[in-house]
Each structure stands twice: as structure tokens, then as C-alpha cells.
Amino acid sequence: KLHLEQAVRVTGQIHTRSGSYDVDHIAFRDHTAGQRDYGPLDGEAWLTFALPDGRHVALLQMWHSGNVSALRTGFYYDGRTFHHIDRIDIPFLTSATGDPADFEFSFEGPHGVIEGRAQLDHSMVFTLDEPIGMPLGCDLAHGLVVVEGPARYEVDGQPAHGWIERCRRTAHL
């Protein structure tokens, strides 16, 4: 019943035995609470990243079985204003290893289409149990596999870091 996705700037220092490290970075906080039912979910693609010029993006694309229509939603922060996004194009997950791991995506920004490239650096795979649960590993017999991990992005020539999460029913892989 609740999902919270926040882009935040983290600043400060980390002190260790071997030295101190300055931190000044954009990050995303992701938290979901409440009961879930993965039963009707056929697939999902979720991208989050922050660009060096201060823009933040979170894109979510989902599709469901039966007569439930696809959901495309997210936000684009242009450095001054948050914009709701509802036109998104992210390629489907095609394997339990995260393919395609390097892909193009696009979304409708306030002044037209914004295109970018994403590359999954490393990944973790788990299976969504029904009605709830997330055991590690790929259970091809079970049906809904999630691959997620840190990613590199490029938008308008700017490199960025973020996260990719995609899932798909194994019948479609």
C-alpha cells in the first residue's frame, strides 16, 4: 500500500582506519511496505539515476496478465521542477542473466523525448514467490525472475550511475 522513491544528495565524510573520504553524491532511497501479490505481474522495468547537472530520473514500466493495462510512470527532476512521466520505453528482460545488459531507453520529458543508454554493471537474480517472497536465484519453474543491479547511464552526453531492476515471467524469456 506504500512505495517511496526519493532522490537525495548525500554529503559528508566517511572515516576508516586507513583514512577519511569525502562524499558528495546523489542517491536513491527505495522503500516499499504493505502486502503484495505478484500473481498478475508479467514483467517490469525500473530505472533510477542522477545526472551530474542535477537532473534525477525514476522510470517504471509494468505489464500485467489478463485485461489489466500496462503501467508507465515516473518522475523527471530537471534541476528546478519535478515532472510526472507517463510515456516510457524500456526494453523487456530477455534472460535470467540480465540481457539485454546494454540497451537504449526513452521517455517523454517536458520539452520532448529524452533518450539514453543504460548498461547493467553487475547483477543479482532472484525469484518472486507468490503471493510474496524473494528467494535468491533463478527458479525457472516458478515463473517470475528478477534481475537487478548497479548501472551506468548516459543521457545528453552526460555519464551517470544508478540502478536497474527488471523482471519477467519465465514463459516470456
Foldseek 3Di string as FASTA:
>chain_A
DDKDKDWDWDWDWDQDPVGIDTGTDIAIDIDDDDFAFCVFWFKKKWWWWAFPVGKTWIWIWTQGPDPDGIFTWIWIDPNPDIDIWGAKADDAQQDLQRPPQKDKIWTQDPVGIWIKIKGFDHKWKWAAAGRGDTGGDDDLVRFKMKIKHKMWMATPNTIIITMMIMMGTSVRD
